[in-house]
Protein backbone atom coordinates (compact mmCIF):
# COMPACT_ATOMS: atom_id res chain seq x y z
CA MET A 1 48.59 131.05 91.81
CA TYR A 2 46.29 134.04 92.03
CA LYS A 3 45.12 133.79 95.63
CA PRO A 4 46.22 131.79 98.66
CA VAL A 5 44.53 128.50 99.50
CA LYS A 6 43.97 128.03 103.22
CA HIS A 7 43.18 125.06 105.42
CA GLY A 8 39.44 124.41 105.28
CA ASP A 9 38.91 125.90 101.80
CA THR A 10 36.77 123.91 99.38
CA LEU A 11 38.25 123.70 95.89
CA HIS A 12 36.64 122.79 92.59
CA MET A 13 38.12 122.50 89.13
CA ARG A 14 36.59 123.87 85.93
CA LEU A 15 37.77 122.33 82.68
CA ILE A 16 37.30 124.31 79.47
CA VAL A 17 38.15 122.86 76.05
CA GLN A 18 39.87 125.63 74.13
CA GLU A 19 40.97 123.83 70.99
CA LYS A 20 40.83 120.43 69.34
CA ARG A 21 42.63 119.66 66.12
CA GLN A 22 43.34 116.51 64.20
CA THR A 23 46.91 115.39 63.59
CA SER A 24 48.25 113.84 60.41
CA LYS A 25 47.40 110.45 61.92
CA PRO A 26 43.63 109.91 61.73
CA ASP A 27 43.41 108.16 65.11
CA ARG A 28 44.88 111.08 67.10
CA ASP A 29 43.87 114.61 68.09
CA VAL A 30 45.67 117.40 69.91
CA VAL A 31 43.51 118.94 72.63
CA THR A 32 44.15 122.19 74.53
CA LEU A 33 42.35 122.61 77.86
CA LYS A 34 42.17 125.43 80.37
CA ARG A 35 41.95 124.31 83.99
CA GLU A 36 40.69 126.74 86.61
CA PHE A 37 40.71 125.95 90.31
CA VAL A 38 38.14 127.93 92.28
CA ASN A 39 37.44 128.19 96.01
CA GLN A 40 34.14 128.23 97.87
CA HIS A 41 33.71 131.95 97.06
CA ASN A 42 34.04 131.21 93.32
CA ASP A 43 37.41 133.03 93.25
CA ILE A 44 39.95 131.62 90.80
CA VAL A 45 42.98 130.60 92.87
CA GLN A 46 44.96 128.92 90.08
CA SER A 47 44.68 128.39 86.34
CA MET A 48 46.73 126.56 83.76
CA THR A 49 46.63 125.64 80.10
CA VAL A 50 47.37 122.03 79.17
CA THR A 51 47.94 120.56 75.70
CA PHE A 52 48.05 116.82 75.09
CA MET A 53 47.65 114.24 72.36
CA HIS A 54 44.51 112.17 72.59
CA ARG A 55 43.74 108.88 70.87
CA CYS A 56 40.38 109.00 69.10
CA ARG A 57 37.90 106.28 69.76
CA ASN A 58 36.62 106.02 66.17
CA ALA A 59 39.27 106.67 63.55
CA THR A 60 37.80 107.78 60.21
């Protein structure tokens, strides 16, 4: 947490794709995202990096 969040604040989340790579299985990818939570003044109050495995819709 970078800044406090107070009652009445309006929060929004920005999602930024940082990396996408294919695994050894053709129907799966590993995706790394950066999540930023910003308040009504556009100040970043929290950020995190998340990595997860994603099943691809069209396996080639």
